[in-house]
Amino acid sequence: MRPDIPPDLELNKRYVITIVSEDINSSETKVADVWDVLEDLTGTVDAPEDWASQHDHYLYGTPKRQPEINT
């Protein structure tokens, strides 16, 4: 495990580090499975209707492509 935030330590100073075990199965600690993590990362983005077909225009500023006409 790594700290949630970097420790604020001064250079050229000695520190005593204490390691304490934590019961990961306690009722206070929620163990997330992969589906919980994915759910936290998902969301929606407001975008123009032609976002998929014109993604180069919106990402890189290229001119919009003309729609293909199937005859």
C-alpha atoms as a PDB file:
ATOM      1  CA  MET A   1       0.000   0.000   0.000  1.00  0.00           C
ATOM      2  CA  ARG A   2       1.056   3.555  -0.606  1.00  0.00           C
ATOM      3  CA  PRO A   3      -0.010   6.655   1.295  1.00  0.00           C
ATOM      4  CA  ASP A   4      -3.090   8.455  -0.049  1.00  0.00           C
ATOM      5  CA  ILE A   5      -1.124  11.715  -0.014  1.00  0.00           C
ATOM      6  CA  PRO A   6       2.660  12.222  -0.109  1.00  0.00           C
ATOM      7  CA  PRO A   7       4.184  12.718   3.339  1.00  0.00           C
ATOM      8  CA  ASP A   8       5.413  16.222   4.134  1.00  0.00           C
ATOM      9  CA  LEU A   9       9.014  15.425   5.107  1.00  0.00           C
ATOM     10  CA  GLU A  10      11.985  17.761   5.492  1.00  0.00           C
ATOM     11  CA  LEU A  11      15.354  16.978   3.938  1.00  0.00           C
ATOM     12  CA  ASN A  12      18.227  15.931   6.239  1.00  0.00           C
ATOM     13  CA  LYS A  13      15.913  15.153   9.146  1.00  0.00           C
ATOM     14  CA  ARG A  14      15.458  11.727  10.763  1.00  0.00           C
ATOM     15  CA  TYR A  15      12.022  10.206  11.074  1.00  0.00           C
ATOM     16  CA  VAL A  16      10.627   7.176  12.879  1.00  0.00           C
ATOM     17  CA  ILE A  17       8.108   5.270  10.795  1.00  0.00           C
ATOM     18  CA  THR A  18       5.594   3.049  12.553  1.00  0.00           C
ATOM     19  CA  ILE A  19       3.775   0.370  10.608  1.00  0.00           C
ATOM     20  CA  VAL A  20       0.418  -0.686  12.013  1.00  0.00           C
ATOM     21  CA  SER A  21      -1.640  -3.494  10.523  1.00  0.00           C
ATOM     22  CA  GLU A  22      -5.218  -2.730   9.615  1.00  0.00           C
ATOM     23  CA  ASP A  23      -8.002  -5.263   9.489  1.00  0.00           C
ATOM     24  CA  ILE A  24      -9.181  -5.014   5.879  1.00  0.00           C
ATOM     25  CA  ASN A  25     -12.303  -6.993   6.700  1.00  0.00           C
ATOM     26  CA  SER A  26     -13.592  -4.525   9.258  1.00  0.00           C
ATOM     27  CA  SER A  27     -17.059  -3.081   8.758  1.00  0.00           C
ATOM     28  CA  GLU A  28     -15.530   0.403   8.364  1.00  0.00           C
ATOM     29  CA  THR A  29     -13.433  -0.629   5.352  1.00  0.00           C
ATOM     30  CA  LYS A  30     -15.302  -1.249   2.112  1.00  0.00           C
ATOM     31  CA  VAL A  31     -13.570  -3.678  -0.202  1.00  0.00           C
ATOM     32  CA  ALA A  32     -14.464  -2.721  -3.768  1.00  0.00           C
ATOM     33  CA  ASP A  33     -14.545  -5.272  -6.523  1.00  0.00           C
ATOM     34  CA  VAL A  34     -13.713  -4.498 -10.142  1.00  0.00           C
ATOM     35  CA  TRP A  35     -17.340  -3.665 -10.960  1.00  0.00           C
ATOM     36  CA  ASP A  36     -17.479  -1.024  -8.197  1.00  0.00           C
ATOM     37  CA  VAL A  37     -14.290   0.564  -9.526  1.00  0.00           C
ATOM     38  CA  LEU A  38     -15.593   0.597 -13.112  1.00  0.00           C
ATOM     39  CA  GLU A  39     -18.908   2.064 -12.008  1.00  0.00           C
ATOM     40  CA  ASP A  40     -17.076   4.908 -10.246  1.00  0.00           C
ATOM     41  CA  LEU A  41     -15.157   5.676 -13.452  1.00  0.00           C
ATOM     42  CA  THR A  42     -18.111   5.664 -15.850  1.00  0.00           C
ATOM     43  CA  GLY A  43     -20.176   8.648 -16.826  1.00  0.00           C
ATOM     44  CA  THR A  44     -21.574  10.564 -19.741  1.00  0.00           C
ATOM     45  CA  VAL A  45     -20.199  13.405 -21.801  1.00  0.00           C
ATOM     46  CA  ASP A  46     -22.280  16.091 -23.470  1.00  0.00           C
ATOM     47  CA  ALA A  47     -21.134  16.198 -27.089  1.00  0.00           C
ATOM     48  CA  PRO A  48     -22.483  17.149 -30.510  1.00  0.00           C
ATOM     49  CA  GLU A  49     -24.615  14.583 -32.335  1.00  0.00           C
ATOM     50  CA  ASP A  50     -21.945  14.087 -35.013  1.00  0.00           C
ATOM     51  CA  TRP A  51     -19.184  13.488 -32.459  1.00  0.00           C
ATOM     52  CA  ALA A  52     -18.398   9.951 -33.644  1.00  0.00           C
ATOM     53  CA  SER A  53     -18.303  10.730 -37.363  1.00  0.00           C
ATOM     54  CA  GLN A  54     -16.476  14.069 -36.959  1.00  0.00           C
ATOM     55  CA  HIS A  55     -14.128  13.239 -34.074  1.00  0.00           C
ATOM     56  CA  ASP A  56     -11.034  14.527 -35.933  1.00  0.00           C
ATOM     57  CA  HIS A  57     -12.717  17.922 -36.309  1.00  0.00           C
ATOM     58  CA  TYR A  58     -13.547  18.177 -32.606  1.00  0.00           C
ATOM     59  CA  LEU A  59     -10.242  16.754 -31.348  1.00  0.00           C
ATOM     60  CA  TYR A  60      -7.724  18.239 -33.785  1.00  0.00           C
ATOM     61  CA  GLY A  61      -9.544  21.095 -35.519  1.00  0.00           C
ATOM     62  CA  THR A  62      -9.482  19.518 -38.987  1.00  0.00           C
ATOM     63  CA  PRO A  63     -12.241  20.528 -41.423  1.00  0.00           C
ATOM     64  CA  LYS A  64     -15.465  18.556 -41.095  1.00  0.00           C
ATOM     65  CA  ARG A  65     -15.701  15.626 -43.500  1.00  0.00           C
ATOM     66  CA  GLN A  66     -18.542  15.495 -45.981  1.00  0.00           C
ATOM     67  CA  PRO A  67     -21.009  12.663 -45.330  1.00  0.00           C
ATOM     68  CA  GLU A  68     -20.601   9.656 -47.610  1.00  0.00           C
ATOM     69  CA  ILE A  69     -23.490   9.143 -50.013  1.00  0.00           C
ATOM     70  CA  ASN A  70     -24.313   5.515 -50.752  1.00  0.00           C
ATOM     71  CA  THR A  71     -26.025   5.064 -54.122  1.00  0.00           C
END
